[in-house]
């Protein structure tokens, strides 16, 4: 799985980025409870507040899939954010991370 550069839209207070991955390695599987979105993205700010409500737009290629993600977050007065990407399983409305990676992102690394 790959993560694109992060972009912040200060007027709408949205963080936008993309995930792309091999369809052969990651794909929805109802019998294994892998949902269509496959990954959950969570952002934690310096106050410990979590942001995980994102909008997803998907584009499928022959071998890869791309997801554009957009999360509402106010980055004013923040020095960095903690971004966690988790491969998930979902049972009803319960989402459980199976594997996770967390990245500390300084705000000067986010494009405006």
N, C-alpha and C. Protein backbone atom coordinates (compact mmCIF):
# COMPACT_ATOMS: atom_id res chain seq x y z
N UNK A 1 0.84 -1.16 0.00
CA UNK A 1 0.00 0.00 0.00
C UNK A 1 0.90 1.23 0.00
N UNK A 2 0.50 2.24 -0.77
CA UNK A 2 1.27 3.47 -0.89
C UNK A 2 0.40 4.66 -0.50
N UNK A 3 1.04 5.67 0.07
CA UNK A 3 0.36 6.89 0.49
C UNK A 3 0.89 8.05 -0.35
N UNK A 4 -0.01 8.86 -0.91
CA UNK A 4 0.42 10.03 -1.67
C UNK A 4 0.81 11.15 -0.71
N UNK A 5 1.24 12.27 -1.27
CA UNK A 5 1.49 13.46 -0.47
C UNK A 5 0.16 13.90 0.16
N UNK A 6 0.25 14.57 1.29
CA UNK A 6 -0.92 15.09 1.98
C UNK A 6 -1.13 16.54 1.57
N UNK A 7 -2.38 16.91 1.33
CA UNK A 7 -2.74 18.27 0.95
C UNK A 7 -3.80 18.78 1.91
N UNK A 8 -3.63 20.02 2.39
CA UNK A 8 -4.60 20.63 3.30
C UNK A 8 -5.27 21.81 2.60
N UNK A 9 -6.59 21.83 2.65
CA UNK A 9 -7.37 22.91 2.08
C UNK A 9 -7.86 23.78 3.24
N UNK A 10 -7.16 24.88 3.54
CA UNK A 10 -7.47 25.66 4.74
C UNK A 10 -8.87 26.29 4.74
N UNK A 11 -9.39 26.66 3.58
CA UNK A 11 -10.73 27.27 3.54
C UNK A 11 -11.82 26.27 3.92
N UNK A 12 -11.70 25.05 3.46
CA UNK A 12 -12.71 24.03 3.78
C UNK A 12 -12.30 23.15 4.96
N UNK A 13 -11.07 23.34 5.46
CA UNK A 13 -10.55 22.57 6.60
C UNK A 13 -10.61 21.07 6.32
N UNK A 14 -10.05 20.68 5.18
CA UNK A 14 -10.02 19.27 4.78
C UNK A 14 -8.59 18.85 4.45
N UNK A 15 -8.24 17.67 4.92
CA UNK A 15 -6.98 17.04 4.57
C UNK A 15 -7.27 16.01 3.49
N UNK A 16 -6.55 16.10 2.38
CA UNK A 16 -6.79 15.17 1.27
C UNK A 16 -5.50 14.45 0.92
N UNK A 17 -5.66 13.18 0.54
CA UNK A 17 -4.53 12.34 0.17
C UNK A 17 -5.07 11.12 -0.54
N UNK A 18 -4.18 10.29 -1.03
CA UNK A 18 -4.59 9.09 -1.73
C UNK A 18 -3.87 7.86 -1.20
N UNK A 19 -4.54 6.73 -1.33
CA UNK A 19 -3.95 5.42 -1.05
C UNK A 19 -4.05 4.61 -2.33
N UNK A 20 -2.98 3.95 -2.72
CA UNK A 20 -3.12 3.00 -3.82
C UNK A 20 -2.43 1.71 -3.44
N UNK A 21 -2.98 0.64 -3.99
CA UNK A 21 -2.54 -0.69 -3.58
C UNK A 21 -2.86 -1.70 -4.66
N UNK A 22 -2.20 -2.83 -4.56
CA UNK A 22 -2.40 -3.93 -5.50
C UNK A 22 -3.72 -4.62 -5.21
N UNK A 23 -4.54 -4.78 -6.22
CA UNK A 23 -5.81 -5.49 -6.04
C UNK A 23 -5.58 -6.97 -5.72
N UNK A 24 -4.43 -7.49 -6.14
CA UNK A 24 -4.12 -8.89 -5.85
C UNK A 24 -3.83 -9.09 -4.36
N UNK A 25 -3.19 -8.09 -3.72
CA UNK A 25 -2.83 -8.21 -2.31
C UNK A 25 -3.93 -7.79 -1.36
N UNK A 26 -4.72 -6.79 -1.76
CA UNK A 26 -5.77 -6.25 -0.90
C UNK A 26 -7.07 -6.18 -1.68
N UNK A 27 -8.06 -6.92 -1.24
CA UNK A 27 -9.36 -6.86 -1.88
C UNK A 27 -10.46 -7.17 -0.89
N UNK A 28 -11.65 -6.60 -1.13
CA UNK A 28 -12.76 -6.91 -0.24
C UNK A 28 -13.05 -8.41 -0.25
N UNK A 29 -13.44 -8.93 0.90
CA UNK A 29 -13.75 -10.35 1.01
C UNK A 29 -14.80 -10.54 2.10
N UNK A 30 -16.08 -10.65 1.71
CA UNK A 30 -17.14 -10.78 2.72
C UNK A 30 -16.96 -11.99 3.64
N UNK A 31 -16.42 -13.09 3.14
CA UNK A 31 -16.27 -14.27 4.00
C UNK A 31 -15.21 -14.04 5.09
N UNK A 32 -14.22 -13.17 4.82
CA UNK A 32 -13.21 -12.83 5.82
C UNK A 32 -13.52 -11.50 6.49
N UNK A 33 -14.69 -10.94 6.20
CA UNK A 33 -15.17 -9.68 6.79
C UNK A 33 -14.30 -8.48 6.43
N UNK A 34 -13.68 -8.50 5.24
CA UNK A 34 -12.89 -7.37 4.75
C UNK A 34 -13.86 -6.48 3.95
N UNK A 35 -14.16 -5.26 4.45
CA UNK A 35 -15.14 -4.41 3.76
C UNK A 35 -14.59 -3.80 2.48
N UNK A 36 -15.47 -3.19 1.71
CA UNK A 36 -15.11 -2.60 0.43
C UNK A 36 -14.05 -1.52 0.55
N UNK A 37 -14.05 -0.76 1.64
CA UNK A 37 -13.06 0.32 1.79
C UNK A 37 -11.68 -0.20 2.20
N UNK A 38 -11.58 -1.39 2.71
CA UNK A 38 -10.36 -2.14 3.03
C UNK A 38 -9.52 -1.50 4.15
N UNK A 39 -9.29 -0.18 4.08
CA UNK A 39 -8.45 0.50 5.05
C UNK A 39 -9.25 1.55 5.83
N UNK A 40 -8.92 1.71 7.08
CA UNK A 40 -9.45 2.81 7.88
C UNK A 40 -8.30 3.76 8.16
N UNK A 41 -8.56 5.06 8.01
CA UNK A 41 -7.55 6.07 8.29
C UNK A 41 -8.04 6.90 9.47
N UNK A 42 -7.16 7.05 10.47
CA UNK A 42 -7.48 7.83 11.66
C UNK A 42 -6.39 8.87 11.86
N UNK A 43 -6.81 10.08 12.20
CA UNK A 43 -5.86 11.16 12.51
C UNK A 43 -6.06 11.55 13.96
N UNK A 44 -4.95 11.71 14.67
CA UNK A 44 -4.97 12.20 16.06
C UNK A 44 -4.21 13.51 16.09
N UNK A 45 -4.85 14.57 16.66
CA UNK A 45 -4.16 15.85 16.77
C UNK A 45 -3.41 15.94 18.10
N UNK A 46 -2.76 17.09 18.35
CA UNK A 46 -1.93 17.23 19.55
C UNK A 46 -2.74 17.16 20.84
N UNK A 47 -4.05 17.41 20.75
CA UNK A 47 -4.92 17.34 21.93
C UNK A 47 -5.49 15.93 22.14
N UNK A 48 -5.13 15.01 21.27
CA UNK A 48 -5.61 13.64 21.38
C UNK A 48 -6.95 13.38 20.72
N UNK A 49 -7.52 14.41 20.06
CA UNK A 49 -8.80 14.21 19.39
C UNK A 49 -8.61 13.36 18.14
N UNK A 50 -9.52 12.40 17.93
CA UNK A 50 -9.46 11.51 16.77
C UNK A 50 -10.39 11.99 15.67
N UNK A 51 -9.92 11.88 14.44
CA UNK A 51 -10.72 12.19 13.26
C UNK A 51 -10.68 10.95 12.37
N UNK A 52 -11.84 10.36 12.12
CA UNK A 52 -11.85 9.15 11.29
C UNK A 52 -13.02 9.12 10.31
N UNK A 53 -13.76 10.19 10.21
CA UNK A 53 -14.86 10.26 9.26
C UNK A 53 -14.33 10.79 7.94
N UNK A 54 -14.14 9.91 6.98
CA UNK A 54 -13.58 10.33 5.72
C UNK A 54 -14.52 10.04 4.56
N UNK A 55 -14.29 10.77 3.48
CA UNK A 55 -14.99 10.55 2.23
C UNK A 55 -14.02 9.79 1.32
N UNK A 56 -14.54 8.78 0.65
CA UNK A 56 -13.69 7.94 -0.19
C UNK A 56 -14.20 7.96 -1.63
N UNK A 57 -13.30 8.22 -2.57
CA UNK A 57 -13.60 8.11 -3.99
C UNK A 57 -12.61 7.10 -4.55
N UNK A 58 -13.13 6.04 -5.19
CA UNK A 58 -12.27 4.96 -5.67
C UNK A 58 -12.15 4.98 -7.19
N UNK A 59 -10.96 4.60 -7.67
CA UNK A 59 -10.71 4.40 -9.09
C UNK A 59 -9.98 3.07 -9.24
N UNK A 60 -10.51 2.21 -10.08
CA UNK A 60 -9.92 0.88 -10.26
C UNK A 60 -9.17 0.79 -11.57
N UNK A 61 -7.98 0.22 -11.50
CA UNK A 61 -7.21 -0.10 -12.69
C UNK A 61 -7.23 -1.61 -12.87
N UNK A 62 -6.48 -2.09 -13.82
CA UNK A 62 -6.42 -3.52 -14.07
C UNK A 62 -5.77 -4.28 -12.92
N UNK A 63 -4.68 -3.72 -12.38
CA UNK A 63 -3.95 -4.40 -11.31
C UNK A 63 -3.99 -3.66 -9.97
N UNK A 64 -4.23 -2.36 -10.00
CA UNK A 64 -4.19 -1.55 -8.80
C UNK A 64 -5.52 -0.84 -8.57
N UNK A 65 -5.68 -0.37 -7.35
CA UNK A 65 -6.84 0.45 -7.01
C UNK A 65 -6.34 1.69 -6.28
N UNK A 66 -7.00 2.81 -6.53
CA UNK A 66 -6.65 4.08 -5.90
C UNK A 66 -7.86 4.59 -5.13
N UNK A 67 -7.64 5.06 -3.92
CA UNK A 67 -8.69 5.68 -3.12
C UNK A 67 -8.26 7.09 -2.77
N UNK A 68 -9.06 8.08 -3.17
CA UNK A 68 -8.82 9.44 -2.72
C UNK A 68 -9.59 9.64 -1.44
N UNK A 69 -8.91 10.09 -0.39
CA UNK A 69 -9.52 10.28 0.92
C UNK A 69 -9.56 11.75 1.26
N UNK A 70 -10.62 12.16 1.96
CA UNK A 70 -10.78 13.53 2.42
C UNK A 70 -11.33 13.48 3.84
N UNK A 71 -10.61 14.11 4.79
CA UNK A 71 -11.01 14.11 6.20
C UNK A 71 -11.11 15.55 6.67
N UNK A 72 -12.24 15.90 7.29
CA UNK A 72 -12.42 17.24 7.86
C UNK A 72 -11.62 17.34 9.15
N UNK A 73 -10.72 18.33 9.21
CA UNK A 73 -9.89 18.57 10.38
C UNK A 73 -9.38 20.00 10.33
N UNK A 74 -9.34 20.67 11.47
CA UNK A 74 -8.79 22.01 11.56
C UNK A 74 -7.34 21.89 12.02
N UNK A 75 -6.41 22.28 11.15
CA UNK A 75 -4.99 22.15 11.47
C UNK A 75 -4.39 23.43 12.05
N UNK A 76 -5.24 24.45 12.28
CA UNK A 76 -4.74 25.66 12.94
C UNK A 76 -4.23 25.28 14.33
N UNK A 77 -3.13 25.89 14.73
CA UNK A 77 -2.52 25.66 16.05
C UNK A 77 -2.01 24.24 16.26
N UNK A 78 -1.78 23.51 15.19
CA UNK A 78 -1.21 22.17 15.28
C UNK A 78 0.23 22.21 14.77
N UNK A 79 1.10 21.45 15.36
CA UNK A 79 2.48 21.36 14.89
C UNK A 79 2.69 20.08 14.08
N UNK A 80 1.93 19.04 14.42
CA UNK A 80 2.02 17.78 13.70
C UNK A 80 0.73 17.00 13.95
N UNK A 81 0.53 15.99 13.15
CA UNK A 81 -0.59 15.07 13.35
C UNK A 81 -0.07 13.65 13.31
N UNK A 82 -0.82 12.75 13.88
CA UNK A 82 -0.49 11.33 13.86
C UNK A 82 -1.49 10.65 12.95
N UNK A 83 -1.02 10.05 11.89
CA UNK A 83 -1.85 9.41 10.87
C UNK A 83 -1.71 7.90 11.01
N UNK A 84 -2.83 7.21 11.24
CA UNK A 84 -2.81 5.74 11.36
C UNK A 84 -3.64 5.14 10.23
N UNK A 85 -3.03 4.21 9.51
CA UNK A 85 -3.71 3.49 8.44
C UNK A 85 -3.80 2.03 8.88
N UNK A 86 -5.03 1.52 8.87
CA UNK A 86 -5.26 0.15 9.35
C UNK A 86 -5.98 -0.68 8.30
N UNK A 87 -5.48 -1.89 8.08
CA UNK A 87 -6.21 -2.90 7.33
C UNK A 87 -7.28 -3.40 8.29
N UNK A 88 -8.54 -3.40 7.86
CA UNK A 88 -9.63 -3.67 8.81
C UNK A 88 -10.50 -4.85 8.40
N UNK A 89 -11.19 -5.37 9.42
CA UNK A 89 -12.30 -6.28 9.18
C UNK A 89 -13.52 -5.62 9.80
N UNK A 90 -14.68 -5.91 9.26
CA UNK A 90 -15.90 -5.28 9.75
C UNK A 90 -16.97 -6.34 9.95
N UNK A 91 -17.56 -6.33 11.14
CA UNK A 91 -18.65 -7.23 11.49
C UNK A 91 -19.82 -6.34 11.90
N UNK A 92 -20.79 -6.18 10.99
CA UNK A 92 -21.88 -5.24 11.24
C UNK A 92 -21.31 -3.83 11.22
N UNK A 93 -21.49 -3.10 12.31
CA UNK A 93 -20.93 -1.75 12.40
C UNK A 93 -19.61 -1.72 13.17
N UNK A 94 -19.16 -2.86 13.66
CA UNK A 94 -17.92 -2.93 14.42
C UNK A 94 -16.72 -3.12 13.49
N UNK A 95 -15.79 -2.15 13.56
CA UNK A 95 -14.58 -2.19 12.74
C UNK A 95 -13.41 -2.55 13.63
N UNK A 96 -12.64 -3.56 13.22
CA UNK A 96 -11.50 -4.01 14.00
C UNK A 96 -10.23 -3.94 13.15
N UNK A 97 -9.21 -3.17 13.60
CA UNK A 97 -7.94 -3.15 12.86
C UNK A 97 -7.24 -4.50 12.96
N UNK A 98 -6.73 -5.00 11.82
CA UNK A 98 -5.97 -6.25 11.81
C UNK A 98 -4.47 -5.96 11.78
N UNK A 99 -4.09 -4.95 11.01
CA UNK A 99 -2.70 -4.48 10.93
C UNK A 99 -2.76 -2.97 10.85
N UNK A 100 -1.83 -2.28 11.53
CA UNK A 100 -1.83 -0.81 11.51
C UNK A 100 -0.41 -0.27 11.38
N UNK A 101 -0.33 0.90 10.76
CA UNK A 101 0.90 1.66 10.68
C UNK A 101 0.59 3.09 11.08
N UNK A 102 1.41 3.66 11.95
CA UNK A 102 1.21 5.04 12.40
C UNK A 102 2.40 5.88 11.98
N UNK A 103 2.10 7.06 11.45
CA UNK A 103 3.12 7.99 10.96
C UNK A 103 2.90 9.33 11.65
N UNK A 104 3.97 9.91 12.19
CA UNK A 104 3.90 11.26 12.73
C UNK A 104 4.24 12.22 11.59
N UNK A 105 3.30 13.13 11.26
CA UNK A 105 3.48 14.02 10.12
C UNK A 105 3.60 15.47 10.61
N UNK A 106 4.79 16.08 10.50
CA UNK A 106 4.91 17.50 10.82
C UNK A 106 4.12 18.31 9.80
N UNK A 107 3.50 19.40 10.26
CA UNK A 107 2.65 20.18 9.34
C UNK A 107 3.42 20.80 8.19
N UNK A 108 4.73 21.01 8.34
CA UNK A 108 5.48 21.58 7.22
C UNK A 108 5.65 20.57 6.08
N UNK A 109 5.29 19.32 6.28
CA UNK A 109 5.33 18.30 5.22
C UNK A 109 4.00 18.20 4.47
N UNK A 110 2.99 18.96 4.92
CA UNK A 110 1.67 18.93 4.28
C UNK A 110 1.56 20.12 3.34
N UNK A 111 1.19 19.84 2.09
CA UNK A 111 1.06 20.89 1.07
C UNK A 111 -0.23 21.68 1.28
N UNK A 112 -0.14 23.00 1.06
CA UNK A 112 -1.35 23.85 1.14
C UNK A 112 -1.66 24.44 -0.20
